[in-house]
Amino acid sequence: MLNNQVTFRRVAAGVLLIAAPLLQAVAVVVDPGTWGDDREAVSFGENPALAQTQSVLYHWSWMLMAVAVLGLTHLTRRKAVRLGHVTGALTMIGYLQLSGLLLSDPVEWWLGQRYSPEEAQRIMDEMLGLPGVIFGFQMPWMFFGFIGLPVLVAAVWRAGFVGWWAPVVVAAGYLGSFAVPYGPATVPFWVAPVAALGWIGLKILRMGDEAWAAYYPAALPATGRLSPEPESSPR
């Protein structure tokens, strides 16, 4: 498979579209902050093992989703091309930025072990309130992932690969989560996109190499190798 560009890219895209949202859904379930004190300095300190686990799960979910986006943009090669390119690029940037913010989790846990919750929160707010942190890592980049992904799936729908319900479910899940405080209410919102994105991933895995290669401008054979150029006639 590693020697076949068509098979590798198709399988990688399909598997990542299943795995990435699933890891995020598991992360919100195991996160002590979901069920405990909304001050992470407190909830992380009560169960540091789960706190570290959720950070790792979120990290790999968002890193892998940034790669999975390449598979979604591939499906917009025939139609909604410009929309696929723009939203694909912004979505990748957003998810990579989200992953970088997770390094604040162990810092907050460390502060919670040594200071009162109020003092730990004050220090974290001061650290994360630096202009370089806000405009370099947070605003507006961190929102590009959750906002861009539903639009990108809408482009995939416009390209005719999936039904209208897929972008609706993804948008309802990720954008709807902004309407509730992070906690138990977040769980169903982040579980819902697993079905839509997982269905796209499963459909990619089932479509076969020829169907995947047909999205390239010059259709590739199932071997994943370009057909030789025809020789020009001598003058």
C-alpha atoms as a PDB file:
ATOM      1  CA  MET A   1       0.000   0.000   0.000  1.00  0.00           C
ATOM      2  CA  LEU A   2       2.855   2.406   0.732  1.00  0.00           C
ATOM      3  CA  ASN A   3       3.997   2.106  -2.885  1.00  0.00           C
ATOM      4  CA  ASN A   4       0.555   2.957  -4.262  1.00  0.00           C
ATOM      5  CA  GLN A   5      -0.326   6.636  -3.970  1.00  0.00           C
ATOM      6  CA  VAL A   6      -4.016   6.061  -4.707  1.00  0.00           C
ATOM      7  CA  THR A   7      -4.560   3.299  -2.148  1.00  0.00           C
ATOM      8  CA  PHE A   8      -2.511   4.958   0.563  1.00  0.00           C
ATOM      9  CA  ARG A   9      -4.188   8.355   0.300  1.00  0.00           C
ATOM     10  CA  ARG A  10      -7.676   6.883   0.052  1.00  0.00           C
ATOM     11  CA  VAL A  11      -7.232   4.551   3.027  1.00  0.00           C
ATOM     12  CA  ALA A  12      -5.501   7.232   5.096  1.00  0.00           C
ATOM     13  CA  ALA A  13      -8.294   9.714   4.428  1.00  0.00           C
ATOM     14  CA  GLY A  14     -11.001   7.199   5.252  1.00  0.00           C
ATOM     15  CA  VAL A  15      -9.393   5.956   8.472  1.00  0.00           C
ATOM     16  CA  LEU A  16      -8.582   9.450   9.750  1.00  0.00           C
ATOM     17  CA  LEU A  17     -12.116  10.717   9.145  1.00  0.00           C
ATOM     18  CA  ILE A  18     -13.313   7.906  11.385  1.00  0.00           C
ATOM     19  CA  ALA A  19     -10.578   8.083  14.014  1.00  0.00           C
ATOM     20  CA  ALA A  20     -10.109  11.853  14.479  1.00  0.00           C
ATOM     21  CA  PRO A  21     -13.673  12.806  15.511  1.00  0.00           C
ATOM     22  CA  LEU A  22     -13.939   9.613  17.552  1.00  0.00           C
ATOM     23  CA  LEU A  23     -10.845  10.549  19.577  1.00  0.00           C
ATOM     24  CA  GLN A  24     -12.353  13.973  20.285  1.00  0.00           C
ATOM     25  CA  ALA A  25     -15.616  12.392  21.445  1.00  0.00           C
ATOM     26  CA  VAL A  26     -13.718  10.065  23.775  1.00  0.00           C
ATOM     27  CA  ALA A  27     -11.655  13.002  25.072  1.00  0.00           C
ATOM     28  CA  VAL A  28     -14.692  15.009  26.154  1.00  0.00           C
ATOM     29  CA  VAL A  29     -16.084  11.937  27.938  1.00  0.00           C
ATOM     30  CA  VAL A  30     -12.912  11.185  29.942  1.00  0.00           C
ATOM     31  CA  ASP A  31     -12.078  14.842  30.638  1.00  0.00           C
ATOM     32  CA  PRO A  32     -12.381  15.492  34.408  1.00  0.00           C
ATOM     33  CA  GLY A  33     -13.331  19.065  33.564  1.00  0.00           C
ATOM     34  CA  THR A  34     -16.438  17.838  31.758  1.00  0.00           C
ATOM     35  CA  TRP A  35     -17.978  16.348  34.888  1.00  0.00           C
ATOM     36  CA  GLY A  36     -16.170  18.060  37.760  1.00  0.00           C
ATOM     37  CA  ASP A  37     -15.300  21.593  38.783  1.00  0.00           C
ATOM     38  CA  ASP A  38     -15.290  23.932  35.793  1.00  0.00           C
ATOM     39  CA  ARG A  39     -12.006  25.334  37.097  1.00  0.00           C
ATOM     40  CA  GLU A  40      -9.471  23.033  35.479  1.00  0.00           C
ATOM     41  CA  ALA A  41      -6.901  23.775  38.162  1.00  0.00           C
ATOM     42  CA  VAL A  42      -9.272  21.920  40.501  1.00  0.00           C
ATOM     43  CA  SER A  43     -10.759  19.194  38.287  1.00  0.00           C
ATOM     44  CA  PHE A  44      -7.388  18.267  36.760  1.00  0.00           C
ATOM     45  CA  GLY A  45      -5.859  18.008  40.217  1.00  0.00           C
ATOM     46  CA  GLU A  46      -8.568  15.590  41.344  1.00  0.00           C
ATOM     47  CA  ASN A  47      -7.705  13.129  38.570  1.00  0.00           C
ATOM     48  CA  PRO A  48      -4.360  13.975  36.942  1.00  0.00           C
ATOM     49  CA  ALA A  49      -4.223  10.674  35.014  1.00  0.00           C
ATOM     50  CA  LEU A  50      -7.484  11.381  33.176  1.00  0.00           C
ATOM     51  CA  ALA A  51      -6.462  15.018  32.746  1.00  0.00           C
ATOM     52  CA  GLN A  52      -3.328  13.937  30.880  1.00  0.00           C
ATOM     53  CA  THR A  53      -5.281  11.354  28.893  1.00  0.00           C
ATOM     54  CA  GLN A  54      -7.821  13.855  27.640  1.00  0.00           C
ATOM     55  CA  SER A  55      -5.055  16.255  26.610  1.00  0.00           C
ATOM     56  CA  VAL A  56      -3.352  13.541  24.558  1.00  0.00           C
ATOM     57  CA  LEU A  57      -6.653  12.477  22.977  1.00  0.00           C
ATOM     58  CA  TYR A  58      -7.544  16.048  22.014  1.00  0.00           C
ATOM     59  CA  HIS A  59      -4.027  16.623  20.682  1.00  0.00           C
ATOM     60  CA  TRP A  60      -4.064  13.624  18.361  1.00  0.00           C
ATOM     61  CA  SER A  61      -7.681  14.169  17.372  1.00  0.00           C
ATOM     62  CA  TRP A  62      -6.978  17.677  16.156  1.00  0.00           C
ATOM     63  CA  MET A  63      -3.626  16.820  14.567  1.00  0.00           C
ATOM     64  CA  LEU A  64      -5.151  13.913  12.661  1.00  0.00           C
ATOM     65  CA  MET A  65      -8.174  15.966  11.639  1.00  0.00           C
ATOM     66  CA  ALA A  66      -5.848  18.514  10.048  1.00  0.00           C
ATOM     67  CA  VAL A  67      -4.461  15.696   7.884  1.00  0.00           C
ATOM     68  CA  ALA A  68      -7.928  14.222   7.203  1.00  0.00           C
ATOM     69  CA  VAL A  69      -8.955  17.590   5.752  1.00  0.00           C
ATOM     70  CA  LEU A  70      -6.722  16.834   2.763  1.00  0.00           C
ATOM     71  CA  GLY A  71      -8.944  13.857   1.983  1.00  0.00           C
ATOM     72  CA  LEU A  72     -12.067  16.021   2.097  1.00  0.00           C
ATOM     73  CA  THR A  73     -10.566  18.629  -0.225  1.00  0.00           C
ATOM     74  CA  HIS A  74      -9.702  15.830  -2.680  1.00  0.00           C
ATOM     75  CA  LEU A  75     -13.446  15.185  -3.027  1.00  0.00           C
ATOM     76  CA  THR A  76     -13.962  18.776  -4.229  1.00  0.00           C
ATOM     77  CA  ARG A  77     -11.676  18.494  -7.268  1.00  0.00           C
ATOM     78  CA  ARG A  78     -14.636  18.371  -9.688  1.00  0.00           C
ATOM     79  CA  LYS A  79     -17.092  20.803  -8.083  1.00  0.00           C
ATOM     80  CA  ALA A  80     -17.013  23.478  -5.357  1.00  0.00           C
ATOM     81  CA  VAL A  81     -13.262  23.613  -5.968  1.00  0.00           C
ATOM     82  CA  ARG A  82     -12.622  27.147  -4.723  1.00  0.00           C
ATOM     83  CA  LEU A  83     -14.795  26.617  -1.655  1.00  0.00           C
ATOM     84  CA  GLY A  84     -12.960  23.380  -0.926  1.00  0.00           C
ATOM     85  CA  HIS A  85      -9.537  25.010  -1.233  1.00  0.00           C
ATOM     86  CA  VAL A  86     -10.314  28.036   0.952  1.00  0.00           C
ATOM     87  CA  THR A  87     -12.185  26.214   3.700  1.00  0.00           C
ATOM     88  CA  GLY A  88      -9.736  23.301   3.606  1.00  0.00           C
ATOM     89  CA  ALA A  89      -6.756  25.589   4.228  1.00  0.00           C
ATOM     90  CA  LEU A  90      -8.507  27.516   7.004  1.00  0.00           C
ATOM     91  CA  THR A  91      -9.714  24.310   8.661  1.00  0.00           C
ATOM     92  CA  MET A  92      -6.202  22.848   8.709  1.00  0.00           C
ATOM     93  CA  ILE A  93      -4.824  26.028  10.292  1.00  0.00           C
ATOM     94  CA  GLY A  94      -7.585  26.000  12.892  1.00  0.00           C
ATOM     95  CA  TYR A  95      -7.029  22.432  14.025  1.00  0.00           C
ATOM     96  CA  LEU A  96      -3.255  22.836  14.208  1.00  0.00           C
ATOM     97  CA  GLN A  97      -3.733  25.943  16.362  1.00  0.00           C
ATOM     98  CA  LEU A  98      -6.151  24.123  18.662  1.00  0.00           C
ATOM     99  CA  SER A  99      -3.613  21.400  19.269  1.00  0.00           C
ATOM    100  CA  GLY A 100      -0.956  23.901  20.347  1.00  0.00           C
ATOM    101  CA  LEU A 101      -3.227  25.347  23.034  1.00  0.00           C
ATOM    102  CA  LEU A 102      -3.302  21.999  24.850  1.00  0.00           C
ATOM    103  CA  LEU A 103       0.124  22.683  26.347  1.00  0.00           C
ATOM    104  CA  SER A 104      -1.665  24.957  28.809  1.00  0.00           C
ATOM    105  CA  ASP A 105      -3.348  21.900  30.404  1.00  0.00           C
ATOM    106  CA  PRO A 106      -0.318  20.576  32.324  1.00  0.00           C
ATOM    107  CA  VAL A 107       0.576  24.142  33.325  1.00  0.00           C
ATOM    108  CA  GLU A 108      -2.876  24.621  34.818  1.00  0.00           C
ATOM    109  CA  TRP A 109      -2.624  21.303  36.657  1.00  0.00           C
ATOM    110  CA  TRP A 110       0.825  22.247  38.019  1.00  0.00           C
ATOM    111  CA  LEU A 111      -0.460  25.597  39.239  1.00  0.00           C
ATOM    112  CA  GLY A 112      -3.487  23.953  40.832  1.00  0.00           C
ATOM    113  CA  GLN A 113      -1.199  21.717  42.876  1.00  0.00           C
ATOM    114  CA  ARG A 114       0.674  24.688  44.320  1.00  0.00           C
ATOM    115  CA  TYR A 115      -1.787  27.571  44.543  1.00  0.00           C
ATOM    116  CA  SER A 116      -5.392  28.159  45.475  1.00  0.00           C
ATOM    117  CA  PRO A 117      -7.883  27.786  42.595  1.00  0.00           C
ATOM    118  CA  GLU A 118      -8.363  31.549  42.473  1.00  0.00           C
ATOM    119  CA  GLU A 119      -4.631  32.275  42.348  1.00  0.00           C
ATOM    120  CA  ALA A 120      -4.018  29.538  39.793  1.00  0.00           C
ATOM    121  CA  GLN A 121      -6.748  30.988  37.579  1.00  0.00           C
ATOM    122  CA  ARG A 122      -5.328  34.495  37.967  1.00  0.00           C
ATOM    123  CA  ILE A 123      -1.868  33.344  36.875  1.00  0.00           C
ATOM    124  CA  MET A 124      -3.297  31.411  33.904  1.00  0.00           C
ATOM    125  CA  ASP A 125      -5.368  34.392  32.803  1.00  0.00           C
ATOM    126  CA  GLU A 126      -2.307  36.606  32.979  1.00  0.00           C
ATOM    127  CA  MET A 127      -0.221  34.149  30.969  1.00  0.00           C
ATOM    128  CA  LEU A 128      -2.851  33.491  28.306  1.00  0.00           C
ATOM    129  CA  GLY A 129      -3.784  37.165  28.152  1.00  0.00           C
ATOM    130  CA  LEU A 130      -0.456  38.165  26.619  1.00  0.00           C
ATOM    131  CA  PRO A 131      -0.945  39.750  23.155  1.00  0.00           C
ATOM    132  CA  GLY A 132       1.419  37.248  21.547  1.00  0.00           C
ATOM    133  CA  VAL A 133      -0.630  34.364  22.899  1.00  0.00           C
ATOM    134  CA  ILE A 134      -3.988  35.884  21.988  1.00  0.00           C
ATOM    135  CA  PHE A 135      -3.190  36.922  18.432  1.00  0.00           C
ATOM    136  CA  GLY A 136      -0.535  34.315  17.697  1.00  0.00           C
ATOM    137  CA  PHE A 137      -2.319  31.217  19.006  1.00  0.00           C
ATOM    138  CA  GLN A 138      -5.950  32.028  19.764  1.00  0.00           C
ATOM    139  CA  MET A 139      -7.783  34.741  17.840  1.00  0.00           C
ATOM    140  CA  PRO A 140      -9.201  34.127  15.343  1.00  0.00           C
ATOM    141  CA  TRP A 141      -7.284  31.014  14.338  1.00  0.00           C
ATOM    142  CA  MET A 142      -8.638  28.638  16.970  1.00  0.00           C
ATOM    143  CA  PHE A 143     -12.166  28.986  15.574  1.00  0.00           C
ATOM    144  CA  PHE A 144     -11.201  28.191  11.980  1.00  0.00           C
ATOM    145  CA  GLY A 145     -11.307  24.451  12.653  1.00  0.00           C
ATOM    146  CA  PHE A 146     -14.776  24.109  14.152  1.00  0.00           C
ATOM    147  CA  ILE A 147     -16.242  26.706  11.775  1.00  0.00           C
ATOM    148  CA  GLY A 148     -14.351  25.643   8.656  1.00  0.00           C
ATOM    149  CA  LEU A 149     -15.034  21.913   8.917  1.00  0.00           C
ATOM    150  CA  PRO A 150     -18.846  22.152   8.540  1.00  0.00           C
ATOM    151  CA  VAL A 151     -18.365  24.472   5.542  1.00  0.00           C
ATOM    152  CA  LEU A 152     -15.844  22.053   4.020  1.00  0.00           C
ATOM    153  CA  VAL A 153     -18.273  19.148   4.457  1.00  0.00           C
ATOM    154  CA  ALA A 154     -20.898  21.351   2.774  1.00  0.00           C
ATOM    155  CA  ALA A 155     -18.486  21.688  -0.151  1.00  0.00           C
ATOM    156  CA  VAL A 156     -18.201  17.890  -0.257  1.00  0.00           C
ATOM    157  CA  TRP A 157     -21.999  17.742  -0.339  1.00  0.00           C
ATOM    158  CA  ARG A 158     -22.061  20.292  -3.166  1.00  0.00           C
ATOM    159  CA  ALA A 159     -19.597  18.067  -5.002  1.00  0.00           C
ATOM    160  CA  GLY A 160     -22.178  15.279  -4.794  1.00  0.00           C
ATOM    161  CA  PHE A 161     -20.245  12.853  -2.608  1.00  0.00           C
ATOM    162  CA  VAL A 162     -22.524  12.867   0.440  1.00  0.00           C
ATOM    163  CA  GLY A 163     -26.087  13.826   1.330  1.00  0.00           C
ATOM    164  CA  TRP A 164     -27.178  17.172   2.748  1.00  0.00           C
ATOM    165  CA  TRP A 165     -27.541  15.704   6.227  1.00  0.00           C
ATOM    166  CA  ALA A 166     -23.761  15.338   6.688  1.00  0.00           C
ATOM    167  CA  PRO A 167     -22.866  19.066   6.824  1.00  0.00           C
ATOM    168  CA  VAL A 168     -26.005  19.694   8.889  1.00  0.00           C
ATOM    169  CA  VAL A 169     -24.963  17.142  11.534  1.00  0.00           C
ATOM    170  CA  VAL A 170     -21.355  18.389  11.611  1.00  0.00           C
ATOM    171  CA  ALA A 171     -22.505  22.007  11.928  1.00  0.00           C
ATOM    172  CA  ALA A 172     -25.086  21.164  14.595  1.00  0.00           C
ATOM    173  CA  GLY A 173     -22.447  19.287  16.570  1.00  0.00           C
ATOM    174  CA  TYR A 174     -19.433  21.571  16.467  1.00  0.00           C
ATOM    175  CA  LEU A 175     -21.124  24.963  16.092  1.00  0.00           C
ATOM    176  CA  GLY A 176     -23.931  24.032  18.459  1.00  0.00           C
ATOM    177  CA  SER A 177     -21.386  23.303  21.186  1.00  0.00           C
ATOM    178  CA  PHE A 178     -20.583  27.035  21.332  1.00  0.00           C
ATOM    179  CA  ALA A 179     -24.084  27.648  22.688  1.00  0.00           C
ATOM    180  CA  VAL A 180     -23.507  25.672  25.901  1.00  0.00           C
ATOM    181  CA  PRO A 181     -20.811  25.887  28.584  1.00  0.00           C
ATOM    182  CA  TYR A 182     -18.118  23.224  28.307  1.00  0.00           C
ATOM    183  CA  GLY A 183     -19.398  20.318  30.399  1.00  0.00           C
ATOM    184  CA  PRO A 184     -21.870  17.420  30.188  1.00  0.00           C
ATOM    185  CA  ALA A 185     -23.955  19.280  27.589  1.00  0.00           C
ATOM    186  CA  THR A 186     -20.939  19.306  25.265  1.00  0.00           C
ATOM    187  CA  VAL A 187     -20.821  15.504  25.026  1.00  0.00           C
ATOM    188  CA  PRO A 188     -23.792  14.937  22.656  1.00  0.00           C
ATOM    189  CA  PHE A 189     -22.687  17.833  20.467  1.00  0.00           C
ATOM    190  CA  TRP A 190     -19.225  16.347  19.939  1.00  0.00           C
ATOM    191  CA  VAL A 191     -20.499  12.798  19.577  1.00  0.00           C
ATOM    192  CA  ALA A 192     -22.885  13.698  16.737  1.00  0.00           C
ATOM    193  CA  PRO A 193     -20.207  14.562  14.106  1.00  0.00           C
ATOM    194  CA  VAL A 194     -18.645  11.133  14.633  1.00  0.00           C
ATOM    195  CA  ALA A 195     -21.560   9.662  12.684  1.00  0.00           C
ATOM    196  CA  ALA A 196     -21.375  12.115   9.762  1.00  0.00           C
ATOM    197  CA  LEU A 197     -17.596  12.201   9.368  1.00  0.00           C
ATOM    198  CA  GLY A 198     -17.346   8.476  10.053  1.00  0.00           C
ATOM    199  CA  TRP A 199     -19.879   7.814   7.293  1.00  0.00           C
ATOM    200  CA  ILE A 200     -17.780   9.849   4.846  1.00  0.00           C
ATOM    201  CA  GLY A 201     -14.687   7.946   5.935  1.00  0.00           C
ATOM    202  CA  LEU A 202     -16.429   4.597   5.514  1.00  0.00           C
ATOM    203  CA  LYS A 203     -17.690   5.609   2.085  1.00  0.00           C
ATOM    204  CA  ILE A 204     -14.134   6.532   1.054  1.00  0.00           C
ATOM    205  CA  LEU A 205     -12.829   3.160   2.226  1.00  0.00           C
ATOM    206  CA  ARG A 206     -15.509   1.364   0.208  1.00  0.00           C
ATOM    207  CA  MET A 207     -15.244   3.398  -2.995  1.00  0.00           C
ATOM    208  CA  GLY A 208     -12.174   1.651  -4.396  1.00  0.00           C
ATOM    209  CA  ASP A 209      -9.019   3.005  -5.984  1.00  0.00           C
ATOM    210  CA  GLU A 210     -10.467   3.661  -9.433  1.00  0.00           C
ATOM    211  CA  ALA A 211     -13.258   5.856  -8.069  1.00  0.00           C
ATOM    212  CA  TRP A 212     -10.779   7.778  -5.880  1.00  0.00           C
ATOM    213  CA  ALA A 213      -8.315   8.220  -8.748  1.00  0.00           C
ATOM    214  CA  ALA A 214     -11.094   9.474 -11.005  1.00  0.00           C
ATOM    215  CA  TYR A 215     -11.098  12.720  -9.000  1.00  0.00           C
ATOM    216  CA  TYR A 216      -7.647  13.600 -10.340  1.00  0.00           C
ATOM    217  CA  PRO A 217      -7.643  15.951 -13.354  1.00  0.00           C
ATOM    218  CA  ALA A 218      -6.043  13.219 -15.469  1.00  0.00           C
ATOM    219  CA  ALA A 219      -7.606   9.943 -14.302  1.00  0.00           C
ATOM    220  CA  LEU A 220      -5.067   7.528 -12.863  1.00  0.00           C
ATOM    221  CA  PRO A 221      -5.276   3.774 -13.269  1.00  0.00           C
ATOM    222  CA  ALA A 222      -5.822   1.728 -10.103  1.00  0.00           C
ATOM    223  CA  THR A 223      -2.073   1.065  -9.935  1.00  0.00           C
ATOM    224  CA  GLY A 224      -1.580   4.672  -8.856  1.00  0.00           C
ATOM    225  CA  ARG A 225       0.874   5.384 -11.684  1.00  0.00           C
ATOM    226  CA  LEU A 226       0.421   7.990 -14.369  1.00  0.00           C
ATOM    227  CA  SER A 227      -0.197   6.713 -17.849  1.00  0.00           C
ATOM    228  CA  PRO A 228       2.706   7.454 -20.201  1.00  0.00           C
ATOM    229  CA  GLU A 229       2.359  10.518 -22.384  1.00  0.00           C
ATOM    230  CA  PRO A 230       1.640   9.714 -26.032  1.00  0.00           C
ATOM    231  CA  GLU A 231       4.620  10.317 -28.287  1.00  0.00           C
ATOM    232  CA  SER A 232       4.274  13.272 -30.597  1.00  0.00           C
ATOM    233  CA  SER A 233       4.423  12.528 -34.298  1.00  0.00           C
ATOM    234  CA  PRO A 234       7.661  13.579 -36.018  1.00  0.00           C
ATOM    235  CA  ARG A 235       7.504  16.623 -38.279  1.00  0.00           C
END
